[in-house]
């Protein structure tokens, strides 16, 4: 009898497990069918896993239906849309119970950006949650009250004093770079990408924290790393910092990961100390002033952020400001979003200027016409439109962020365009709308949107003048709308300062390898890898000092 009961009990357990598995599998099948039904009428790319948004999407092998890398045409972003004659493609993924749409239409991206409550930021995605390792920050906040609270404080730290300081500091950093690399009077600048990363790190140390960072950062072994070393180590190990929890790195058998953990702890320690110091100093200065007087705004980002925090809390109440961890989180996002992306875009800009010397000479003429032969200063920034257009054009052709993801908060219509893919020069397009359901993901494929031939004339051509006057199409490089990159002007000022001074001092020349044609040189210099961001390859340039 006991054996019979035991057998029945075991059978019941097996039956229950089987029923649960069948129910789960059945629900999954129904969900997958429902997704296919929702995207009917659109071209599709099928995959086994959610992959298009992955920072590793360019690193994995092509596996049909599982990881269809070739269908994503990552090296030729517009090709997948050209092949199907449609600027909206549905991704049907086994691992997601909701539709994912990718769009290469910049006008649609603009429309989405203007309706942040209908198309909310996909803050639950890993890419955004990972950015919160130091604290919640403006990039990973949901549209609405939380984002407004962060923005109220953060926007206050990008005043004119900070902008002018950023200009001056990158000019100083350029001189340090030229001296340390031994090219003050011209010569070969080796490893341009790495040099740009070091240069912009110097700028961020000074304009971000008011701290001098040496060109060559020494390696130490103390329990707390010095601030320059901690900042450099965290940024240099960004993939590990974002992907792995602190406790895992701390107790890892890998000495590299343990050092990553130490760098993270050290950076947080230093930033918190600086926040406390700035708060005490600014609070004391406020207390010493009359009611209508104002404290002189700090010129570094951390000081400006703390000052803005004090102003918001004083004017709107303590609950409207940011917590200490949120201040740390926002400073961290300034670092990775401002320092690395600026370095990479300057790398691309120098590559394009070397490849297109006619544009380089036009920049030189613009700088001289504005400054009368003198060196440009911050007051000249608005008078150098071609310098700014060059920065935009480099970003258009080599988009660094790669995707902008939103999630629909309600059922809505999404416009898209179709044309005949068999025509080499399609002239007739038809306009349509597709109903997307609440919970669907909409990804703006920014590299493809910036190469869309229906918006950009001769889209693969490097032509900064397309950004002068009436724009050819909505530019998505800095995002748009209320979620536009809040440090956009800071980045523009930095890069215009760098480019205007660089072309004032030097001609930038190609270094071609033996037997290499211009096209081969271009392909080598513009090669990139898709990591957390679109990362340029290293290359050398020859600098010829202007007389």
Foldseek 3Di string as FASTA:
>chain_A
DVVVVVVVVVVVVVVVVVVVVVVVVVVLVVLLVVQCVQCPPFAEAAAAAPAPQALCLQPDDDDHNHNNSVCCVVVQNQVNCLQFQWQKYWYRYSPDSFIEIEGLAQVLLQVLQACCVQWWFPLVDLLNVLLQLLHDELLNDIPDLVNVLRCLLQLQLPDPLQLQLLLVQLVVLVVVLCVVQVQLQWFKRFFQLVSLLLSLLQSCCCQAQNDGADSDHDDDDDLADPQNVLLVLCLVPVVCSSPDHLVCLCPPPDPSSVVNSSSVVNNSVVLLVSLVVLLVVLVVVVVPDDPPDDDDQDNHSLSSSSVSQVVCCVVPNNVSHDDSSHSVSHSSCCCNVPSNVLSQLLLLLLLVCQLPVVLLVVQLVQLCVQPVLDQDHLVCLVSRLLLLLSSLLSCLQFQWQQKGKTFGQAWDKRKMKGFDSVDPDTDDIDIDIRIGGGGYMYMHRRNSSSQPCVQDPVSNDRDSCCPPDDHSGDHCSQRDHPSGNSCVVSSSSNSSSNSSRQSSFWRKHDDDDPPDDSVNSSCQQADFGSGSITGTDTDMITTHTDD
